[in-house]
């Protein structure tokens, strides 16, 4: 308990909510919080504020404070943070707003998304998931590589993987690093396209998408602030 006694309340809450701690460390932090009167409804309110503070942190580099991409021109500033576009700014605020959502509610929403028609082709009957594709584009001394997720059915996911592989094949070779990364990216896309098994439960990426989607819907309906705060495991 002694090693946590001098730590600020906000930092203690963030450690308890965000970090992997031993049972002994968790018990020590809870004991300190209780001695400071941080219990019950007071705990819920201060835990929300501590989590919001995490989302409000700003980096000291030219990186987007949501996605981490480098941003120099056309950066959007909001509450002391920098974002590479309106989408990242909105997603950062949705992530902040979603703090009060119960995990079970988010998982249930993710499951409902899995059985909806595909948002790309509008077909029904195939599992909708966040499906990954890998890209690499290089030009002599410059190289850009990324892996991104998009919500779709299996059929549309395969089509996206094949298009990504074709793009890598055409645009990936034109640098030293491109010669190394291009065959890797092509292999990764083909392997994803050929995979036939579907996980029985929503992926971590789909749960994150569901959290943002649910937060957006509830915020639009004006009921997000009424959701029960869940401290989690």
Protein backbone atom coordinates (compact mmCIF):
# COMPACT_ATOMS: atom_id res chain seq x y z
CA UNK A 1 0.00 0.00 0.00
CA UNK A 2 2.88 2.33 0.79
CA UNK A 3 4.14 2.58 -2.79
CA UNK A 4 0.78 3.95 -3.95
CA UNK A 5 0.06 6.33 -1.08
CA UNK A 6 1.75 9.33 -2.72
CA UNK A 7 0.15 8.76 -6.15
CA UNK A 8 -2.56 11.19 -7.26
CA UNK A 9 -6.14 9.88 -7.23
CA UNK A 10 -6.59 10.28 -10.98
CA UNK A 11 -3.48 8.23 -11.72
CA UNK A 12 -4.54 5.54 -9.26
CA UNK A 13 -7.91 5.24 -11.01
CA UNK A 14 -6.22 5.02 -14.40
CA UNK A 15 -3.88 2.29 -13.18
CA UNK A 16 -6.78 0.34 -11.71
CA UNK A 17 -8.90 0.62 -14.85
CA UNK A 18 -6.28 0.33 -17.58
CA UNK A 19 -3.27 -1.65 -16.37
CA UNK A 20 -2.68 -5.31 -15.62
CA UNK A 21 -2.11 -5.43 -11.88
CA UNK A 22 -1.64 -8.17 -9.33
CA UNK A 23 -4.50 -8.83 -6.92
CA UNK A 24 -2.34 -7.38 -4.15
CA UNK A 25 -1.77 -4.14 -6.07
CA UNK A 26 -5.48 -3.83 -6.92
CA UNK A 27 -6.43 -4.34 -3.28
CA UNK A 28 -3.89 -1.72 -2.17
CA UNK A 29 -5.20 0.86 -4.65
CA UNK A 30 -8.82 0.18 -3.70
CA UNK A 31 -7.91 0.59 -0.02
CA UNK A 32 -6.22 3.93 -0.70
CA UNK A 33 -9.18 5.14 -2.77
CA UNK A 34 -11.60 4.15 -0.02
CA UNK A 35 -9.49 6.02 2.55
CA UNK A 36 -9.83 9.09 0.32
CA UNK A 37 -13.61 8.69 0.17
CA UNK A 38 -13.61 7.41 -3.41
CA UNK A 39 -16.39 4.83 -3.10
CA UNK A 40 -19.81 4.16 -4.60
CA UNK A 41 -21.17 6.93 -6.81
CA UNK A 42 -18.13 9.10 -6.12
CA UNK A 43 -15.93 6.32 -7.50
CA UNK A 44 -18.06 6.07 -10.65
CA UNK A 45 -17.90 9.81 -11.32
CA UNK A 46 -14.17 10.14 -10.69
CA UNK A 47 -13.40 6.98 -12.68
CA UNK A 48 -15.21 8.47 -15.66
CA UNK A 49 -13.27 11.70 -15.31
CA UNK A 50 -9.99 9.77 -15.07
CA UNK A 51 -10.78 7.83 -18.23
CA UNK A 52 -11.79 11.01 -20.06
CA UNK A 53 -8.44 12.51 -19.08
CA UNK A 54 -6.72 9.62 -20.88
CA UNK A 55 -8.57 10.42 -24.10
CA UNK A 56 -7.84 14.14 -23.70
CA UNK A 57 -4.08 13.69 -23.51
CA UNK A 58 -2.09 15.30 -26.28
CA UNK A 59 1.22 14.10 -27.66
CA UNK A 60 4.22 16.36 -28.21
CA UNK A 61 4.94 15.11 -31.75
CA UNK A 62 3.29 15.77 -35.12
CA UNK A 63 1.16 12.68 -34.71
CA UNK A 64 -2.61 12.43 -34.65
CA UNK A 65 -3.74 11.99 -31.03
CA UNK A 66 -6.21 9.30 -32.11
CA UNK A 67 -4.68 7.15 -34.86
CA UNK A 68 -1.00 8.06 -34.42
CA UNK A 69 -0.40 9.01 -38.04
CA UNK A 70 1.98 11.86 -38.77
CA UNK A 71 0.10 15.06 -39.52
CA UNK A 72 1.74 18.33 -40.55
CA UNK A 73 -0.63 20.07 -42.91
CA UNK A 74 -4.41 20.37 -42.52
CA UNK A 75 -4.31 19.21 -38.90
CA UNK A 76 -7.48 19.75 -36.87
CA UNK A 77 -7.05 21.14 -33.36
CA UNK A 78 -9.59 20.49 -30.63
CA UNK A 79 -9.25 20.97 -26.86
CA UNK A 80 -5.46 21.06 -27.12
CA UNK A 81 -5.24 17.92 -29.24
CA UNK A 82 -4.25 17.46 -32.90
CA UNK A 83 -6.04 15.18 -35.33
CA UNK A 84 -5.30 14.24 -38.92
CA UNK A 85 -8.94 14.73 -39.92
CA UNK A 86 -12.50 15.20 -38.79
CA UNK A 87 -13.01 11.42 -38.66
CA UNK A 88 -10.27 10.97 -36.03
CA UNK A 89 -11.53 13.92 -34.02
CA UNK A 90 -15.03 12.47 -33.99
CA UNK A 91 -13.77 8.97 -33.15
CA UNK A 92 -11.73 10.34 -30.25
CA UNK A 93 -14.80 12.03 -28.81
CA UNK A 94 -16.91 8.90 -29.33
CA UNK A 95 -14.30 6.80 -27.54
CA UNK A 96 -14.43 9.29 -24.70
CA UNK A 97 -18.25 9.22 -24.66
CA UNK A 98 -18.32 5.41 -24.65
CA UNK A 99 -16.62 5.17 -21.24
CA UNK A 100 -19.94 4.60 -19.48
CA UNK A 101 -21.09 1.71 -21.65
CA UNK A 102 -21.33 -1.68 -19.98
CA UNK A 103 -19.10 -4.33 -21.66
CA UNK A 104 -21.98 -6.82 -21.96
CA UNK A 105 -24.02 -4.25 -23.88
CA UNK A 106 -21.15 -3.63 -26.29
CA UNK A 107 -20.61 -7.37 -26.93
CA UNK A 108 -24.32 -7.87 -27.56
CA UNK A 109 -24.30 -5.01 -30.07
CA UNK A 110 -21.28 -6.58 -31.80
CA UNK A 111 -23.15 -9.87 -32.09
CA UNK A 112 -26.10 -8.11 -33.66
CA UNK A 113 -23.79 -6.50 -36.23
CA UNK A 114 -22.46 -9.93 -37.23
CA UNK A 115 -25.90 -11.08 -38.42
CA UNK A 116 -26.84 -7.90 -40.29
CA UNK A 117 -26.65 -7.54 -44.09
CA UNK A 118 -23.18 -6.69 -45.35
CA UNK A 119 -22.73 -2.87 -45.41
CA UNK A 120 -20.76 -3.20 -48.67
CA UNK A 121 -22.85 -5.53 -50.85
CA UNK A 122 -26.08 -5.56 -48.78
CA UNK A 123 -26.27 -9.37 -48.95
CA UNK A 124 -27.49 -11.39 -45.98
CA UNK A 125 -26.47 -14.82 -44.76
CA UNK A 126 -22.73 -14.27 -44.27
CA UNK A 127 -21.00 -13.26 -41.05
CA UNK A 128 -20.20 -9.55 -40.99
CA UNK A 129 -16.85 -8.82 -39.36
CA UNK A 130 -14.01 -6.31 -39.30
CA UNK A 131 -11.75 -7.80 -41.95
CA UNK A 132 -8.10 -6.89 -42.40
CA UNK A 133 -6.18 -6.01 -45.56
CA UNK A 134 -2.47 -5.19 -45.92
CA UNK A 135 -0.94 -2.55 -48.18
CA UNK A 136 2.49 -1.37 -49.25
CA UNK A 137 3.34 1.37 -51.76
CA UNK A 138 6.90 2.46 -52.37
CA UNK A 139 8.75 4.89 -54.60
CA UNK A 140 12.57 4.87 -54.49
CA UNK A 141 13.24 6.43 -51.05
CA UNK A 142 9.64 6.61 -49.87
CA UNK A 143 7.49 3.77 -48.59
CA UNK A 144 4.02 3.60 -47.11
CA UNK A 145 2.69 0.43 -45.52
CA UNK A 146 -0.37 -0.16 -43.38
CA UNK A 147 -2.87 -2.76 -42.27
CA UNK A 148 -6.47 -1.63 -42.00
CA UNK A 149 -9.83 -3.12 -41.05
CA UNK A 150 -13.16 -2.67 -42.80
CA UNK A 151 -16.61 -4.01 -41.91
CA UNK A 152 -17.88 -6.50 -44.49
CA UNK A 153 -19.02 -10.03 -45.21
CA UNK A 154 -16.52 -12.76 -46.14
CA UNK A 155 -17.07 -12.33 -49.88
CA UNK A 156 -16.38 -8.59 -49.81
CA UNK A 157 -13.43 -9.17 -47.49
CA UNK A 158 -11.88 -11.59 -50.00
CA UNK A 159 -12.40 -9.08 -52.81
CA UNK A 160 -10.69 -6.39 -50.73
CA UNK A 161 -7.75 -8.69 -49.97
CA UNK A 162 -7.28 -9.50 -53.64
CA UNK A 163 -7.42 -5.82 -54.60
CA UNK A 164 -4.88 -5.05 -51.88
CA UNK A 165 -2.61 -7.83 -53.15
CA UNK A 166 -2.89 -6.47 -56.70
CA UNK A 167 -2.04 -2.96 -55.50
CA UNK A 168 1.02 -4.28 -53.66
CA UNK A 169 2.04 -6.21 -56.77
CA UNK A 170 1.87 -3.08 -58.92
CA UNK A 171 3.10 -0.40 -56.50
CA UNK A 172 5.12 -2.12 -53.81
CA UNK A 173 8.42 -3.04 -55.44
CA UNK A 174 9.93 0.35 -56.15
CA UNK A 175 12.30 0.70 -53.19
CA UNK A 176 14.72 -1.46 -51.25
CA UNK A 177 12.28 -1.94 -48.38
CA UNK A 178 9.51 -2.49 -50.89
CA UNK A 179 11.37 -5.48 -52.30
CA UNK A 180 11.29 -7.01 -48.84
CA UNK A 181 7.79 -6.05 -47.73
CA UNK A 182 5.84 -6.57 -50.95
CA UNK A 183 5.96 -10.39 -51.01
CA UNK A 184 5.09 -10.41 -47.30
CA UNK A 185 2.04 -8.21 -47.82
CA UNK A 186 0.90 -10.19 -50.85
CA UNK A 187 1.19 -13.44 -48.89
CA UNK A 188 -0.72 -11.97 -45.93
CA UNK A 189 -3.60 -10.86 -48.17
CA UNK A 190 -3.81 -14.19 -49.98
CA UNK A 191 -3.73 -16.10 -46.69
CA UNK A 192 -6.60 -13.98 -45.34
CA UNK A 193 -8.58 -14.47 -48.56
CA UNK A 194 -8.17 -18.25 -48.40
CA UNK A 195 -9.10 -18.60 -44.73
CA UNK A 196 -12.49 -20.26 -44.42
CA UNK A 197 -13.06 -20.49 -40.69
CA UNK A 198 -15.07 -17.86 -38.83
CA UNK A 199 -14.58 -17.21 -35.14
CA UNK A 200 -17.73 -17.98 -33.12
CA UNK A 201 -17.57 -14.67 -31.25
CA UNK A 202 -16.94 -11.06 -32.34
CA UNK A 203 -13.30 -10.09 -32.81
CA UNK A 204 -11.64 -7.40 -30.71
CA UNK A 205 -11.79 -5.08 -33.72
CA UNK A 206 -15.54 -5.64 -34.14
CA UNK A 207 -16.14 -5.02 -30.44
CA UNK A 208 -14.26 -1.73 -30.73
CA UNK A 209 -16.34 -0.82 -33.79
CA UNK A 210 -19.53 -1.80 -31.94
CA UNK A 211 -18.52 0.37 -28.99
CA UNK A 212 -18.09 3.42 -31.24
CA UNK A 213 -21.26 2.67 -33.20
CA UNK A 214 -23.31 2.22 -30.04
CA UNK A 215 -21.87 5.38 -28.50
CA UNK A 216 -22.77 7.33 -31.65
CA UNK A 217 -26.34 6.01 -31.67
CA UNK A 218 -26.90 6.64 -27.97
CA UNK A 219 -25.33 10.08 -28.11
CA UNK A 220 -27.59 11.01 -31.02
CA UNK A 221 -30.58 9.77 -29.02
CA UNK A 222 -29.44 11.82 -26.02
CA UNK A 223 -29.34 8.87 -23.62
CA UNK A 224 -25.62 8.11 -23.42
CA UNK A 225 -25.20 9.94 -20.14
CA UNK A 226 -27.80 7.66 -18.53
CA UNK A 227 -25.91 4.44 -19.25
CA UNK A 228 -24.60 2.52 -16.25
CA UNK A 229 -20.88 2.85 -15.68
CA UNK A 230 -19.12 -0.48 -15.42
CA UNK A 231 -15.76 -0.80 -13.72
CA UNK A 232 -15.05 -4.12 -15.42
CA UNK A 233 -12.82 -6.93 -14.29
